[in-house]
Amino acid sequence: MKAVGRYRWALVALPVVVLAAISVLVGPAGLDWSAAIRDALSGRDSVPALVLVEIRLPRALLGAVVGAALGMAGAAMQGLLRNPLAEPGVLGVSACAALGAVIAFYTGLVRLFPGALPIAAMLGALLGTAALFAWAGRGATVATLLLVGVAINALAGAATAFSLALSPNPYAFYEVMFWLMGSLADRSLDHVALALPCVALGAVPLLLMRRGLDGLSLGEETALALGISPSAVARWIGLGTALTVGGAVAVSGVIGFVGLMAPHAVRPFVRYRPGATLVASAGAGAALTLAADIAVRLLPTGRELQLGVMTALLGAPFLGWLAVRRRRGNGSRGAPWL
């Protein structure tokens, strides 16, 4: 365990770097890597250089950024709610971001202004978070935030379904449905530039709340005795989640279960401390997203699966396994809620 603590950063970064390199190498067509790198560095717009810079590299970078955002947000949500089955969508952030994107599709803003889609998704996430705390009220408990989040999630999902049902254009309907399933295909460095600042900005309040999450793991009364305000921790976690998940959903669509699985993969290595899980979960989320994105390109399905479909195929059995383990009373011993 001491070795893990000493080399934590290397253990977090190494799988991400390796999988990102594999992601750059994987594609439907062969690529002359020496020519691609040489032409890219010299500024020549050759086909190999364009494939490397415009297709392969942005996809790998986005996989790492989106996965890190979802993993860290999932760890923060599980620590805040003291519930190992929580994930970033539990407070309605992902659903509200998706609703904002659907509205941009439905109103035709995406045809008038290409940047309308990510902007609408981020605004949806921010408005969903504002609605969460306004509805829950000042000094809301964690249980109240959870209940309000479930309600907002249901409302956003219903509004999304209603918008799709009224769509007069079947092509727009299918476009929205494919976007909602999540993907990293056909993304550019512009998408990376859009998502990265949001994710980095959202990570700041999440990381600042590490002590608060450790205190909350002992119970709200104990946290108050330690000088930690549960409502303040919840607000900062909510803001950080809105920015990180909103930025991720804006460029990739809805990718589920990464925020659920990543914290469980690393929690034993950080002695089940919620605060210490954040950075490790970011690395695990990035690695998991990159691995799933590589898998959708390697499967012989004829047509590339959506990334959200792959993570759901992995996450649904994992969620069932967690439920069975908790029912049998074989949960982790590191914390009473794990």
Protein backbone atom coordinates (compact mmCIF):
# COMPACT_ATOMS: atom_id res chain seq x y z
CA MET A 1 0.00 0.00 0.00
CA LYS A 2 2.90 2.35 0.72
CA ALA A 3 4.24 1.68 -2.76
CA VAL A 4 0.87 2.58 -4.20
CA GLY A 5 0.90 5.88 -2.33
CA ARG A 6 4.45 6.62 -3.38
CA TYR A 7 3.86 5.96 -7.05
CA ARG A 8 0.20 7.01 -7.16
CA TRP A 9 0.60 9.49 -9.97
CA ALA A 10 2.47 6.98 -12.13
CA LEU A 11 -0.14 4.31 -11.43
CA VAL A 12 -2.88 6.73 -12.43
CA ALA A 13 -1.17 8.11 -15.54
CA LEU A 14 0.50 5.01 -17.03
CA PRO A 15 -2.65 3.11 -18.11
CA VAL A 16 -4.10 6.31 -19.57
CA VAL A 17 -0.96 7.04 -21.60
CA VAL A 18 -0.75 3.46 -22.88
CA LEU A 19 -4.43 3.31 -23.85
CA ALA A 20 -4.28 6.76 -25.45
CA ALA A 21 -1.37 5.59 -27.59
CA ILE A 22 -3.30 2.47 -28.59
CA SER A 23 -6.32 4.65 -29.39
CA VAL A 24 -4.20 6.72 -31.76
CA LEU A 25 -2.93 3.55 -33.45
CA VAL A 26 -6.37 1.96 -33.91
CA GLY A 27 -8.47 2.87 -36.92
CA PRO A 28 -10.39 1.44 -39.87
CA ALA A 29 -7.49 2.07 -42.27
CA GLY A 30 -3.76 1.61 -42.09
CA LEU A 31 -1.54 4.62 -41.55
CA ASP A 32 2.10 5.36 -42.36
CA TRP A 33 3.09 6.67 -38.93
CA SER A 34 6.52 7.94 -39.86
CA ALA A 35 5.06 9.96 -42.75
CA ALA A 36 2.14 11.15 -40.63
CA ILE A 37 4.36 12.41 -37.80
CA ARG A 38 6.91 13.91 -40.18
CA ASP A 39 4.28 15.74 -42.23
CA ALA A 40 2.41 16.93 -39.13
CA LEU A 41 5.58 18.37 -37.57
CA SER A 42 6.57 20.05 -40.84
CA GLY A 43 3.09 21.52 -41.37
CA ARG A 44 2.31 19.62 -44.59
CA ASP A 45 -1.37 18.82 -45.09
CA SER A 46 -0.88 15.29 -46.35
CA VAL A 47 -3.50 12.60 -45.88
CA PRO A 48 -1.54 10.74 -43.16
CA ALA A 49 -0.98 13.98 -41.24
CA LEU A 50 -4.65 14.96 -41.48
CA VAL A 51 -5.77 11.52 -40.27
CA LEU A 52 -3.40 11.75 -37.32
CA VAL A 53 -4.13 15.35 -36.30
CA GLU A 54 -7.78 15.70 -37.26
CA ILE A 55 -9.16 12.22 -36.45
CA ARG A 56 -6.99 9.94 -34.31
CA LEU A 57 -5.40 12.42 -31.88
CA PRO A 58 -8.59 14.37 -30.98
CA ARG A 59 -10.44 11.11 -30.34
CA ALA A 60 -7.76 9.85 -27.95
CA LEU A 61 -7.53 13.18 -26.13
CA LEU A 62 -11.30 13.45 -25.79
CA GLY A 63 -11.50 9.90 -24.48
CA ALA A 64 -9.07 10.80 -21.70
CA VAL A 65 -10.72 14.15 -20.88
CA VAL A 66 -14.31 12.87 -20.93
CA GLY A 67 -13.45 9.74 -18.97
CA ALA A 68 -11.52 11.70 -16.35
CA ALA A 69 -14.44 14.10 -15.93
CA LEU A 70 -16.98 11.32 -15.49
CA GLY A 71 -14.72 9.30 -13.18
CA MET A 72 -13.94 12.21 -10.88
CA ALA A 73 -17.56 13.39 -10.81
CA GLY A 74 -18.72 9.86 -10.02
CA ALA A 75 -16.29 9.58 -7.10
CA ALA A 76 -17.44 12.97 -5.81
CA MET A 77 -21.12 11.97 -6.05
CA GLN A 78 -20.56 8.66 -4.30
CA GLY A 79 -18.63 10.39 -1.54
CA LEU A 80 -21.20 13.18 -1.14
CA LEU A 81 -24.24 10.89 -1.08
CA ARG A 82 -22.37 8.07 0.70
CA ASN A 83 -23.92 5.73 -1.80
CA PRO A 84 -21.77 3.35 -3.91
CA LEU A 85 -24.49 3.14 -6.56
CA ALA A 86 -24.45 6.88 -7.31
CA GLU A 87 -23.05 8.30 -10.55
CA PRO A 88 -22.90 11.74 -12.21
CA GLY A 89 -26.43 11.52 -13.58
CA VAL A 90 -27.97 11.03 -10.15
CA LEU A 91 -28.54 14.77 -9.64
CA GLY A 92 -29.92 15.30 -13.13
CA VAL A 93 -26.83 17.02 -14.54
CA SER A 94 -26.34 14.65 -17.48
CA ALA A 95 -30.06 14.60 -18.26
CA CYS A 96 -30.27 18.40 -18.26
CA ALA A 97 -27.19 18.66 -20.47
CA ALA A 98 -28.78 16.21 -22.90
CA LEU A 99 -32.02 18.21 -22.84
CA GLY A 100 -30.14 21.39 -23.73
CA ALA A 101 -28.55 19.64 -26.70
CA VAL A 102 -31.90 18.24 -27.83
CA ILE A 103 -33.41 21.73 -27.74
CA ALA A 104 -30.55 22.97 -29.92
CA PHE A 105 -31.30 20.18 -32.40
CA TYR A 106 -35.06 20.69 -32.25
CA THR A 107 -34.95 24.44 -32.82
CA GLY A 108 -32.47 24.16 -35.67
CA LEU A 109 -29.77 26.17 -33.91
CA VAL A 110 -27.16 23.56 -34.82
CA ARG A 111 -27.69 24.33 -38.51
CA LEU A 112 -27.34 28.08 -37.97
CA PHE A 113 -24.43 27.93 -35.54
CA PRO A 114 -22.28 24.76 -35.21
CA GLY A 115 -21.20 25.69 -31.68
CA ALA A 116 -24.80 25.78 -30.49
CA LEU A 117 -24.80 22.09 -29.54
CA PRO A 118 -22.00 22.13 -26.93
CA ILE A 119 -23.05 25.53 -25.63
CA ALA A 120 -26.64 24.36 -25.15
CA ALA A 121 -25.45 21.21 -23.38
CA MET A 122 -23.31 23.17 -20.93
CA LEU A 123 -26.08 25.68 -20.29
CA GLY A 124 -28.44 22.79 -19.62
CA ALA A 125 -26.04 21.33 -17.06
CA LEU A 126 -25.58 24.67 -15.32
CA LEU A 127 -29.31 25.42 -15.29
CA GLY A 128 -30.02 21.94 -13.97
CA THR A 129 -27.58 22.49 -11.11
CA ALA A 130 -29.08 25.92 -10.34
CA ALA A 131 -32.56 24.39 -10.31
CA LEU A 132 -31.34 21.64 -8.01
CA PHE A 133 -30.15 23.98 -5.28
CA ALA A 134 -32.99 26.46 -5.73
CA TRP A 135 -35.54 23.66 -5.38
CA ALA A 136 -33.77 21.98 -2.48
CA GLY A 137 -33.49 25.28 -0.60
CA ARG A 138 -30.86 26.70 1.67
CA GLY A 139 -29.22 24.29 4.10
CA ALA A 140 -30.61 21.24 2.28
CA THR A 141 -29.49 17.87 3.54
CA VAL A 142 -27.84 15.28 1.34
CA ALA A 143 -31.06 13.22 1.35
CA THR A 144 -33.04 16.24 0.13
CA LEU A 145 -30.54 16.91 -2.65
CA LEU A 146 -30.77 13.29 -3.73
CA LEU A 147 -34.57 13.35 -3.90
CA VAL A 148 -34.63 16.64 -5.80
CA GLY A 149 -31.93 15.33 -8.17
CA VAL A 150 -34.02 12.27 -8.96
CA ALA A 151 -37.01 14.52 -9.68
CA ILE A 152 -34.98 16.80 -11.98
CA ASN A 153 -33.54 13.76 -13.73
CA ALA A 154 -37.04 12.43 -14.40
CA LEU A 155 -38.32 15.81 -15.59
CA ALA A 156 -35.38 16.32 -17.95
CA GLY A 157 -35.80 12.81 -19.34
CA ALA A 158 -39.52 13.37 -19.89
CA ALA A 159 -38.88 16.72 -21.59
CA THR A 160 -36.28 15.10 -23.87
CA ALA A 161 -38.69 12.33 -24.85
CA PHE A 162 -41.46 14.89 -25.43
CA SER A 163 -39.22 16.95 -27.72
CA LEU A 164 -38.23 13.89 -29.71
CA ALA A 165 -41.85 12.78 -30.04
CA LEU A 166 -42.79 16.15 -31.54
CA SER A 167 -39.84 16.30 -33.92
CA PRO A 168 -41.19 17.05 -37.42
CA ASN A 169 -38.00 15.88 -39.10
CA PRO A 170 -37.23 12.13 -38.89
CA TYR A 171 -33.60 12.74 -39.88
CA ALA A 172 -33.17 15.16 -36.97
CA PHE A 173 -34.81 12.58 -34.70
CA TYR A 174 -32.28 9.92 -35.65
CA GLU A 175 -29.41 12.38 -35.37
CA VAL A 176 -30.44 13.30 -31.84
CA MET A 177 -30.91 9.67 -30.85
CA PHE A 178 -27.42 8.75 -32.06
CA TRP A 179 -25.96 11.74 -30.24
CA LEU A 180 -27.72 10.79 -27.01
CA MET A 181 -26.09 7.35 -27.12
CA GLY A 182 -22.65 8.96 -26.86
CA SER A 183 -19.64 8.78 -29.15
CA LEU A 184 -16.14 10.17 -29.69
CA ALA A 185 -16.17 9.66 -33.45
CA ASP A 186 -15.81 12.60 -35.85
CA ARG A 187 -14.58 14.95 -33.14
CA SER A 188 -11.84 17.53 -33.70
CA LEU A 189 -9.33 19.48 -31.67
CA ASP A 190 -11.96 22.22 -31.41
CA HIS A 191 -14.04 19.86 -29.29
CA VAL A 192 -11.02 19.19 -27.09
CA ALA A 193 -10.48 22.94 -26.67
CA LEU A 194 -14.13 23.31 -25.69
CA ALA A 195 -14.32 20.47 -23.17
CA LEU A 196 -10.92 20.77 -21.49
CA PRO A 197 -11.40 24.20 -19.84
CA CYS A 198 -14.81 23.20 -18.48
CA VAL A 199 -13.47 19.93 -17.08
CA ALA A 200 -10.38 21.61 -15.59
CA LEU A 201 -12.46 24.40 -14.05
CA GLY A 202 -14.95 21.93 -12.61
CA ALA A 203 -12.17 19.78 -11.15
CA VAL A 204 -11.03 22.67 -8.93
CA PRO A 205 -14.03 22.71 -6.53
CA LEU A 206 -14.17 18.92 -6.55
CA LEU A 207 -10.54 18.63 -5.44
CA LEU A 208 -10.95 21.41 -2.88
CA MET A 209 -13.73 19.40 -1.23
CA ARG A 210 -11.54 16.37 -0.53
CA ARG A 211 -11.41 17.06 3.22
CA GLY A 212 -15.13 17.69 3.26
CA LEU A 213 -15.83 14.34 1.60
CA ASP A 214 -13.61 12.56 4.13
CA GLY A 215 -15.52 14.28 6.94
CA LEU A 216 -18.92 13.40 5.48
CA SER A 217 -17.93 9.74 5.32
CA LEU A 218 -18.10 9.79 9.16
CA GLY A 219 -21.64 11.19 9.13
CA GLU A 220 -23.12 14.69 8.90
CA GLU A 221 -23.09 15.29 12.67
CA THR A 222 -19.42 14.34 12.90
CA ALA A 223 -18.64 16.52 9.90
CA LEU A 224 -20.33 19.50 11.58
CA ALA A 225 -18.28 18.86 14.74
CA LEU A 226 -15.15 18.98 12.58
CA GLY A 227 -16.17 22.36 11.16
CA ILE A 228 -17.35 20.99 7.81
CA SER A 229 -20.64 22.26 6.42
CA PRO A 230 -22.45 19.46 4.55
CA SER A 231 -24.56 21.96 2.59
CA ALA A 232 -21.47 23.91 1.49
CA VAL A 233 -19.74 20.71 0.42
CA ALA A 234 -22.85 19.70 -1.52
CA ARG A 235 -23.01 23.05 -3.32
CA TRP A 236 -19.37 23.00 -4.38
CA ILE A 237 -19.63 19.37 -5.45
CA GLY A 238 -22.75 20.24 -7.42
CA LEU A 239 -20.99 23.11 -9.18
CA GLY A 240 -17.94 21.03 -9.99
CA THR A 241 -20.09 18.19 -11.28
CA ALA A 242 -22.10 20.55 -13.48
CA LEU A 243 -18.97 21.92 -15.13
CA THR A 244 -17.14 18.63 -15.58
CA VAL A 245 -20.11 16.53 -16.70
CA GLY A 246 -21.59 19.39 -18.73
CA GLY A 247 -18.33 19.85 -20.58
CA ALA A 248 -18.07 16.11 -21.23
CA VAL A 249 -21.68 15.67 -22.39
CA ALA A 250 -21.35 18.73 -24.61
CA VAL A 251 -18.78 17.04 -26.85
CA SER A 252 -19.51 13.32 -26.46
CA GLY A 253 -23.20 12.92 -25.69
CA VAL A 254 -24.37 10.82 -22.76
CA ILE A 255 -21.89 8.12 -21.73
CA GLY A 256 -23.20 6.25 -18.74
CA PHE A 257 -21.74 4.04 -16.02
CA VAL A 258 -18.15 5.33 -16.26
CA GLY A 259 -18.74 7.42 -13.14
CA LEU A 260 -20.14 4.35 -11.40
CA MET A 261 -17.40 1.85 -12.25
CA ALA A 262 -14.25 3.98 -12.02
CA PRO A 263 -14.40 4.77 -8.25
CA HIS A 264 -15.00 1.10 -7.39
CA ALA A 265 -11.95 0.08 -9.40
CA VAL A 266 -9.57 2.29 -7.40
CA ARG A 267 -11.17 2.60 -3.97
CA PRO A 268 -9.31 -0.35 -2.38
CA PHE A 269 -5.96 1.19 -3.41
CA VAL A 270 -6.65 4.47 -1.56
CA ARG A 271 -7.93 2.81 1.63
CA TYR A 272 -11.54 3.74 0.88
CA ARG A 273 -10.98 7.45 1.57
CA PRO A 274 -13.48 9.44 -0.54
CA GLY A 275 -11.17 12.43 -0.89
CA ALA A 276 -8.24 10.33 -2.09
CA THR A 277 -10.48 8.55 -4.58
CA LEU A 278 -11.03 11.62 -6.76
CA VAL A 279 -7.72 11.76 -8.65
CA ALA A 280 -7.46 7.99 -8.91
CA SER A 281 -11.02 7.81 -10.27
CA ALA A 282 -10.18 10.41 -12.90
CA GLY A 283 -7.39 8.14 -14.15
CA ALA A 284 -9.59 5.04 -13.99
CA GLY A 285 -12.41 6.83 -15.81
CA ALA A 286 -10.06 7.97 -18.56
CA ALA A 287 -8.63 4.47 -18.96
CA LEU A 288 -12.08 2.87 -18.98
CA THR A 289 -13.44 5.29 -21.60
CA LEU A 290 -10.39 4.84 -23.83
CA ALA A 291 -10.60 1.07 -23.54
CA ALA A 292 -14.32 1.06 -24.38
CA ASP A 293 -13.72 3.38 -27.35
CA ILE A 294 -10.98 1.08 -28.64
CA ALA A 295 -13.33 -1.88 -28.28
CA VAL A 296 -16.11 -0.31 -30.36
CA ARG A 297 -13.62 0.15 -33.20
CA LEU A 298 -12.30 -3.41 -33.02
CA LEU A 299 -15.59 -5.29 -32.80
CA PRO A 300 -16.51 -6.89 -36.15
CA THR A 301 -20.01 -5.42 -36.21
CA GLY A 302 -19.75 -3.84 -39.66
CA ARG A 303 -20.81 -0.50 -38.25
CA GLU A 304 -19.14 1.13 -35.27
CA LEU A 305 -21.18 0.91 -32.08
CA GLN A 306 -21.93 4.03 -30.07
CA LEU A 307 -19.62 4.41 -27.10
CA GLY A 308 -22.54 4.82 -24.70
CA VAL A 309 -23.86 1.42 -25.80
CA MET A 310 -20.54 -0.23 -24.96
CA THR A 311 -20.28 1.38 -21.51
CA ALA A 312 -23.89 0.37 -20.80
CA LEU A 313 -23.10 -3.23 -21.77
CA LEU A 314 -20.26 -3.13 -19.25
CA GLY A 315 -21.98 -1.06 -16.58
CA ALA A 316 -25.36 -2.75 -16.31
CA PRO A 317 -23.92 -6.15 -15.22
CA PHE A 318 -21.52 -4.30 -12.90
CA LEU A 319 -24.45 -2.48 -11.28
CA GLY A 320 -26.28 -5.77 -10.84
CA TRP A 321 -23.20 -7.33 -9.27
CA LEU A 322 -22.93 -4.45 -6.80
CA ALA A 323 -26.58 -4.82 -5.83
CA VAL A 324 -26.19 -8.57 -5.26
CA ARG A 325 -23.03 -8.06 -3.21
CA ARG A 326 -24.71 -5.51 -0.98
CA ARG A 327 -27.75 -7.73 -0.54
CA ARG A 328 -25.55 -10.59 0.62
CA GLY A 329 -23.78 -8.32 3.09
CA ASN A 330 -20.36 -8.75 1.48
CA GLY A 331 -19.67 -5.04 0.93
CA SER A 332 -16.31 -3.41 1.52
CA ARG A 333 -15.10 -3.11 5.09
CA GLY A 334 -13.37 0.22 4.55
CA ALA A 335 -16.49 2.34 5.03
CA PRO A 336 -20.02 1.51 6.18
CA TRP A 337 -21.65 2.81 3.00
CA LEU A 338 -19.43 0.93 0.50
